Amino acid sequence: MHDDPPLDVTAIDNLPSLLPVESSQDFAAQLLPSLLTLGDLDSGVWGRAKATFDTHIERI
């Protein structure tokens, strides 16, 4: 055992708070293509999300 406590490190990503407009625009640009396919829930990101959901719900 060590007499000194272990070193704990906490890292906080400050970039989104330092550049809120740019980070919001980037997030929206990444999210918009998925939102535009929301009408097709059986393929793409929505199909993968449903498959993951179905896989996990079977365990309950």
C-alpha atoms as a PDB file:
ATOM      1  CA  MET A   1       0.000   0.000   0.000  1.00  0.00           C
ATOM      2  CA  HIS A   2       1.147   3.503  -0.679  1.00  0.00           C
ATOM      3  CA  ASP A   3       1.025   6.227   1.896  1.00  0.00           C
ATOM      4  CA  ASP A   4       0.090   8.738  -0.781  1.00  0.00           C
ATOM      5  CA  PRO A   5      -3.375   8.650  -2.343  1.00  0.00           C
ATOM      6  CA  PRO A   6      -3.583   7.864  -6.074  1.00  0.00           C
ATOM      7  CA  LEU A   7      -3.590  10.707  -8.536  1.00  0.00           C
ATOM      8  CA  ASP A   8      -7.048  11.527  -9.949  1.00  0.00           C
ATOM      9  CA  VAL A   9      -7.303  13.456 -13.189  1.00  0.00           C
ATOM     10  CA  THR A  10     -10.462  15.130 -14.424  1.00  0.00           C
ATOM     11  CA  ALA A  11     -10.451  16.482 -17.959  1.00  0.00           C
ATOM     12  CA  ILE A  12     -13.099  18.903 -19.165  1.00  0.00           C
ATOM     13  CA  ASP A  13     -13.532  19.701 -22.825  1.00  0.00           C
ATOM     14  CA  ASN A  14     -13.867  23.482 -22.913  1.00  0.00           C
ATOM     15  CA  LEU A  15     -13.932  23.864 -26.676  1.00  0.00           C
ATOM     16  CA  PRO A  16     -17.757  23.805 -27.077  1.00  0.00           C
ATOM     17  CA  SER A  17     -18.158  26.459 -24.411  1.00  0.00           C
ATOM     18  CA  LEU A  18     -15.350  28.559 -25.866  1.00  0.00           C
ATOM     19  CA  LEU A  19     -16.778  28.425 -29.393  1.00  0.00           C
ATOM     20  CA  PRO A  20     -20.554  28.032 -28.891  1.00  0.00           C
ATOM     21  CA  VAL A  21     -21.628  29.261 -32.325  1.00  0.00           C
ATOM     22  CA  GLU A  22     -19.110  27.124 -34.182  1.00  0.00           C
ATOM     23  CA  SER A  23     -19.804  24.029 -32.083  1.00  0.00           C
ATOM     24  CA  SER A  24     -23.573  24.466 -32.507  1.00  0.00           C
ATOM     25  CA  GLN A  25     -23.212  24.838 -36.261  1.00  0.00           C
ATOM     26  CA  ASP A  26     -20.987  21.763 -36.458  1.00  0.00           C
ATOM     27  CA  PHE A  27     -23.387  19.698 -34.344  1.00  0.00           C
ATOM     28  CA  ALA A  28     -26.344  20.781 -36.474  1.00  0.00           C
ATOM     29  CA  ALA A  29     -24.445  19.990 -39.682  1.00  0.00           C
ATOM     30  CA  GLN A  30     -23.698  16.489 -38.392  1.00  0.00           C
ATOM     31  CA  LEU A  31     -27.238  15.881 -37.127  1.00  0.00           C
ATOM     32  CA  LEU A  32     -29.226  17.283 -40.058  1.00  0.00           C
ATOM     33  CA  PRO A  33     -28.529  14.442 -42.534  1.00  0.00           C
ATOM     34  CA  SER A  34     -29.898  11.917 -40.022  1.00  0.00           C
ATOM     35  CA  LEU A  35     -32.940  14.060 -39.258  1.00  0.00           C
ATOM     36  CA  LEU A  36     -33.727  14.341 -42.958  1.00  0.00           C
ATOM     37  CA  THR A  37     -34.039  10.533 -43.130  1.00  0.00           C
ATOM     38  CA  LEU A  38     -36.406  10.343 -40.153  1.00  0.00           C
ATOM     39  CA  GLY A  39     -39.246   9.315 -42.476  1.00  0.00           C
ATOM     40  CA  ASP A  40     -37.412   6.063 -43.313  1.00  0.00           C
ATOM     41  CA  LEU A  41     -37.131   4.310 -39.961  1.00  0.00           C
ATOM     42  CA  ASP A  42     -36.084   0.946 -41.418  1.00  0.00           C
ATOM     43  CA  SER A  43     -32.682   1.900 -42.827  1.00  0.00           C
ATOM     44  CA  GLY A  44     -29.636   4.003 -42.111  1.00  0.00           C
ATOM     45  CA  VAL A  45     -29.010   5.355 -38.647  1.00  0.00           C
ATOM     46  CA  TRP A  46     -32.638   4.827 -37.593  1.00  0.00           C
ATOM     47  CA  GLY A  47     -32.624   1.195 -38.719  1.00  0.00           C
ATOM     48  CA  ARG A  48     -29.384   0.588 -36.799  1.00  0.00           C
ATOM     49  CA  ALA A  49     -30.821   2.292 -33.717  1.00  0.00           C
ATOM     50  CA  LYS A  50     -33.948   0.130 -33.888  1.00  0.00           C
ATOM     51  CA  ALA A  51     -31.881  -3.036 -34.348  1.00  0.00           C
ATOM     52  CA  THR A  52     -29.810  -2.128 -31.278  1.00  0.00           C
ATOM     53  CA  PHE A  53     -32.972  -1.373 -29.309  1.00  0.00           C
ATOM     54  CA  ASP A  54     -34.574  -4.676 -30.363  1.00  0.00           C
ATOM     55  CA  THR A  55     -31.426  -6.590 -29.402  1.00  0.00           C
ATOM     56  CA  HIS A  56     -31.396  -5.098 -25.922  1.00  0.00           C
ATOM     57  CA  ILE A  57     -35.146  -5.269 -25.327  1.00  0.00           C
ATOM     58  CA  GLU A  58     -35.035  -9.038 -25.960  1.00  0.00           C
ATOM     59  CA  ARG A  59     -32.863  -9.364 -22.856  1.00  0.00           C
ATOM     60  CA  ILE A  60     -35.584  -7.971 -20.604  1.00  0.00           C
END
